[in-house]
Each structure stands twice: as C-alpha cells, then as structure tokens.
Amino acid sequence: MSESELTALLGPLLAEHELELDKLDVVTAGKRRLLKVTVDGDGPAGRGPSSDQIADLTRAVSRALDESDVMGEAAYTLEVSTPGISRPLTKPAHYRRNLGRLVTVTRPDTDDLTGRIVAVTEDTVTLRVTNGKHPRTQTSQDLDLPLAGITRAVVQIEMNPPKDLVLPGDTDDSADTDESAEEGDH
C-alpha cells in the first residue's frame, strides 16, 4: 500500500462529492491499521462539508477500498473527517468558509489581533476589530490585512455568537465541529 495509490483511489470519489483531500494518514497499531482521511470543501452553504457529505463519502470510500487491494490483506478501520475548527487558517478558502467568525491573527513584530472576518479576497482578509468592554462605549473598525503578512490565524470558539452576525449554514452543526464518520473494521 502506498500513499500515491490511496490518493489515486480517493481522487475521483472526492471530486464526485465536491470535496478536497486535506490530509491522509495510515496509523499502525499492532496488527491493525487506521486509515484517517481528512477532507475539506465548501459544502452546501459555503461553510464547510456537511454531515451528509461526510457520511456519503465514507460509504463510497469504504466500497472502493473493499473492491481494491490497495490496503492489502491486513485489517483496518476507516475514519473520514473534517479538519475541525481548531485547524489554523492558511488559504483564502479557509477564511471564506469562516466568514463571520471570530479569529485571532498572529503577525510578525506586532501583538495578536482578534476580530471577526467580514470580507475575504485572494490576497486580503478584512477583520472587524472591537475595542472596549462595555457595549455602550465599544467602537469597531475594519482592518484590511494582507494574507501574506499573517503567520497564524485560528478561529475562536464562541458559545453565544452575536445573532446579527450568524450566517447561512451556521445552524448546521457540521460547520462548527470536527465532523467524523467511521465505517468500521474491514
């Protein structure tokens, strides 16, 4: 079994389900193996893969693996998941899929900056930064930051995000969590 064979097998299935391969891992534990397929994509609301997409892909990958010899004869467990909210944002698509969410950005030679993503282009992210603790005295400003100048960006988990900033797709819990589906032992 090689990673290139697995990638070749997964490619058409991912395309069919409108998803992209984020990471592929094969972990050996004794006589067993765990095949971890991490996928990403826009999903139906443009906010990441839905639970249904993950479940459908898991079934398709399981069938394809059963019909091929790419995993060999040893038993394995298949796990298909999304990267989850804790994955750092590294591509314009990551920022776009998190539009409206609170993010902490690290840039060289300056303090970390926390703000809400309000716009994204291929080169720039616009963060709405709020200053002040009390709602009556708070002020907000939009800052355009070049993506090339960001060394790290991570979405912040909010228990009660502002209702006026909830975007379509936010009611689907799949956008907020690390979606995962297991097909079981093979």
Protein backbone atom coordinates (compact mmCIF):
# COMPACT_ATOMS: atom_id res chain seq x y z
CA MET A 1 0.00 0.00 0.00
CA SER A 2 1.33 3.42 -0.94
CA GLU A 3 0.04 6.89 -0.28
CA SER A 4 0.02 7.61 -4.01
CA GLU A 5 -2.23 4.57 -4.65
CA LEU A 6 -4.62 5.71 -1.92
CA THR A 7 -4.63 9.26 -3.25
CA ALA A 8 -5.34 7.99 -6.77
CA LEU A 9 -8.23 5.88 -5.47
CA LEU A 10 -9.67 8.77 -3.41
CA GLY A 11 -9.31 11.49 -6.06
CA PRO A 12 -12.36 10.68 -8.20
CA LEU A 13 -14.52 9.99 -5.12
CA LEU A 14 -13.61 13.34 -3.58
CA ALA A 15 -14.35 15.13 -6.84
CA GLU A 16 -17.72 13.36 -7.12
CA HIS A 17 -18.65 14.56 -3.60
CA GLU A 18 -17.25 18.07 -4.23
CA LEU A 19 -14.61 17.68 -1.52
CA GLU A 20 -10.83 18.01 -1.40
CA LEU A 21 -8.23 15.93 0.38
CA ASP A 22 -6.74 17.82 3.33
CA LYS A 23 -4.70 15.04 4.93
CA LEU A 24 -4.18 11.29 4.63
CA ASP A 25 -2.72 9.18 7.44
CA VAL A 26 -2.26 5.47 7.96
CA VAL A 27 -1.58 4.67 11.61
CA THR A 28 -0.42 1.19 12.57
CA ALA A 29 -1.35 -0.21 15.98
CA GLY A 30 -0.15 -3.78 16.34
CA LYS A 31 -1.75 -5.89 13.63
CA ARG A 32 -4.39 -3.27 12.87
CA ARG A 33 -4.27 -0.07 10.86
CA LEU A 34 -6.29 3.10 10.99
CA LEU A 35 -6.82 4.92 7.69
CA LYS A 36 -7.61 8.55 8.50
CA VAL A 37 -8.91 10.62 5.59
CA THR A 38 -9.34 14.31 6.38
CA VAL A 39 -11.36 16.27 3.81
CA ASP A 40 -12.48 19.85 3.30
CA GLY A 41 -14.69 21.73 0.87
CA ASP A 42 -17.28 24.45 0.60
CA GLY A 43 -20.29 22.30 1.43
CA PRO A 44 -23.87 23.24 0.62
CA ALA A 45 -23.75 26.58 2.49
CA GLY A 46 -20.18 27.53 1.56
CA ARG A 47 -19.11 26.97 5.18
CA GLY A 48 -17.51 23.52 5.01
CA PRO A 49 -18.64 19.95 4.38
CA SER A 50 -21.98 18.82 5.77
CA SER A 51 -22.56 15.71 7.86
CA ASP A 52 -24.37 14.14 4.91
CA GLN A 53 -21.41 14.76 2.60
CA ILE A 54 -19.04 13.12 5.09
CA ALA A 55 -21.33 10.12 5.57
CA ASP A 56 -21.85 9.66 1.81
CA LEU A 57 -18.12 9.93 1.13
CA THR A 58 -17.33 7.46 3.92
CA ARG A 59 -19.63 4.85 2.34
CA ALA A 60 -18.15 5.47 -1.13
CA VAL A 61 -14.56 5.21 0.12
CA SER A 62 -15.38 2.03 2.05
CA ARG A 63 -16.87 0.41 -1.07
CA ALA A 64 -13.91 1.47 -3.21
CA LEU A 65 -11.39 0.12 -0.69
CA ASP A 66 -13.30 -3.17 -0.43
CA GLU A 67 -13.21 -3.53 -4.23
CA SER A 68 -9.48 -2.79 -4.50
CA ASP A 69 -6.38 -4.33 -3.00
CA VAL A 70 -4.77 -1.00 -2.10
CA MET A 71 -4.98 -1.72 1.67
CA GLY A 72 -3.68 -5.27 1.33
CA GLU A 73 -4.92 -8.17 3.43
CA ALA A 74 -4.42 -6.74 6.95
CA ALA A 75 -7.46 -5.45 8.83
CA TYR A 76 -8.01 -1.71 9.01
CA THR A 77 -10.50 0.86 10.26
CA LEU A 78 -11.58 3.76 8.05
CA GLU A 79 -12.17 7.21 9.53
CA VAL A 80 -13.30 10.14 7.36
CA SER A 81 -13.43 13.57 8.99
CA THR A 82 -13.04 17.31 8.51
CA PRO A 83 -10.11 19.24 9.95
CA GLY A 84 -12.34 20.84 12.58
CA ILE A 85 -12.44 24.34 13.90
CA SER A 86 -9.02 24.19 15.57
CA ARG A 87 -7.11 23.93 12.28
CA PRO A 88 -5.17 27.12 11.50
CA LEU A 89 -6.46 29.10 8.53
CA THR A 90 -3.85 29.02 5.77
CA LYS A 91 -5.69 29.55 2.46
CA PRO A 92 -8.15 32.18 1.24
CA ALA A 93 -10.82 29.44 1.07
CA HIS A 94 -10.32 28.72 4.80
CA TYR A 95 -11.01 32.37 5.63
CA ARG A 96 -14.01 32.47 3.26
CA ARG A 97 -15.52 29.34 4.85
CA ASN A 98 -15.22 31.07 8.24
CA LEU A 99 -16.75 34.39 7.21
CA GLY A 100 -18.47 35.94 10.22
CA ARG A 101 -16.45 34.01 12.79
CA LEU A 102 -14.11 35.45 15.41
CA VAL A 103 -10.44 34.77 14.64
CA THR A 104 -7.13 35.51 16.34
CA VAL A 105 -4.39 36.51 13.93
CA THR A 106 -0.64 36.48 14.58
CA ARG A 107 1.59 38.78 12.54
CA PRO A 108 5.32 39.37 12.80
CA ASP A 109 6.51 42.15 15.12
CA THR A 110 3.06 43.05 16.49
CA ASP A 111 0.56 41.90 19.10
CA ASP A 112 -2.02 39.27 18.22
CA LEU A 113 -5.22 40.72 16.83
CA THR A 114 -8.70 39.30 17.41
CA GLY A 115 -11.56 40.28 15.14
CA ARG A 116 -14.47 38.99 13.12
CA ILE A 117 -13.91 38.04 9.47
CA VAL A 118 -16.16 40.35 7.42
CA ALA A 119 -14.61 40.05 3.94
CA VAL A 120 -12.05 37.95 2.08
CA THR A 121 -10.28 38.25 -1.26
CA GLU A 122 -7.48 36.13 -2.69
CA ASP A 123 -4.92 38.43 -1.03
CA THR A 124 -6.65 40.14 1.89
CA VAL A 125 -8.86 39.43 4.88
CA THR A 126 -10.93 42.19 6.49
CA LEU A 127 -11.35 41.87 10.26
CA ARG A 128 -13.84 43.87 12.28
CA VAL A 129 -11.98 44.67 15.49
CA THR A 130 -13.96 45.86 18.52
CA ASN A 131 -12.34 47.99 21.20
CA GLY A 132 -13.76 48.39 24.69
CA LYS A 133 -15.57 46.03 27.04
CA HIS A 134 -18.89 47.79 27.65
CA PRO A 135 -21.39 47.68 24.77
CA ARG A 136 -22.22 51.41 25.06
CA THR A 137 -18.61 52.50 24.75
CA GLN A 138 -17.38 49.93 22.24
CA THR A 139 -16.05 51.07 18.91
CA SER A 140 -15.36 48.92 15.87
CA GLN A 141 -13.11 49.36 12.91
CA ASP A 142 -12.49 47.23 9.84
CA LEU A 143 -8.86 46.39 9.15
CA ASP A 144 -7.65 45.02 5.82
CA LEU A 145 -4.79 42.59 6.44
CA PRO A 146 -2.68 41.05 3.66
CA LEU A 147 -2.87 37.26 3.94
CA ALA A 148 0.85 37.06 3.17
CA GLY A 149 1.56 39.03 6.37
CA ILE A 150 -0.31 36.60 8.64
CA THR A 151 1.82 33.91 10.27
CA ARG A 152 -1.04 32.15 12.08
CA ALA A 153 -4.82 32.51 12.24
CA VAL A 154 -7.14 30.39 14.39
CA VAL A 155 -10.92 30.55 14.75
CA GLN A 156 -12.08 31.29 18.30
CA ILE A 157 -14.89 29.19 19.71
CA GLU A 158 -17.86 31.33 20.75
CA MET A 159 -20.63 29.91 22.90
CA ASN A 160 -23.00 32.79 22.09
CA PRO A 161 -22.00 34.50 18.85
CA PRO A 162 -23.88 37.72 18.09
CA LYS A 163 -27.20 36.85 16.44
CA ASP A 164 -26.88 39.59 13.85
CA LEU A 165 -23.65 38.00 12.57
CA VAL A 166 -24.89 34.42 12.19
CA LEU A 167 -24.52 33.45 8.56
CA PRO A 168 -26.40 30.88 6.47
CA GLY A 169 -25.15 27.42 7.36
CA ASP A 170 -24.36 28.30 10.98
CA THR A 171 -27.44 26.44 12.18
CA ASP A 172 -25.91 23.26 10.72
CA ASP A 173 -23.61 21.98 13.49
CA SER A 174 -21.31 20.41 10.90
CA ALA A 175 -19.66 23.76 10.26
CA ASP A 176 -18.74 24.19 13.92
CA THR A 177 -17.34 20.82 14.82
CA ASP A 178 -14.91 18.24 13.64
CA GLU A 179 -17.23 16.04 11.59
CA SER A 180 -16.23 12.42 11.60
CA ALA A 181 -17.66 9.19 10.31
CA GLU A 182 -16.28 5.72 10.84
CA GLU A 183 -17.09 2.84 8.58
CA GLY A 184 -15.84 0.22 10.99
CA ASP A 185 -13.43 -2.65 10.64
CA HIS A 186 -12.51 -4.13 7.29
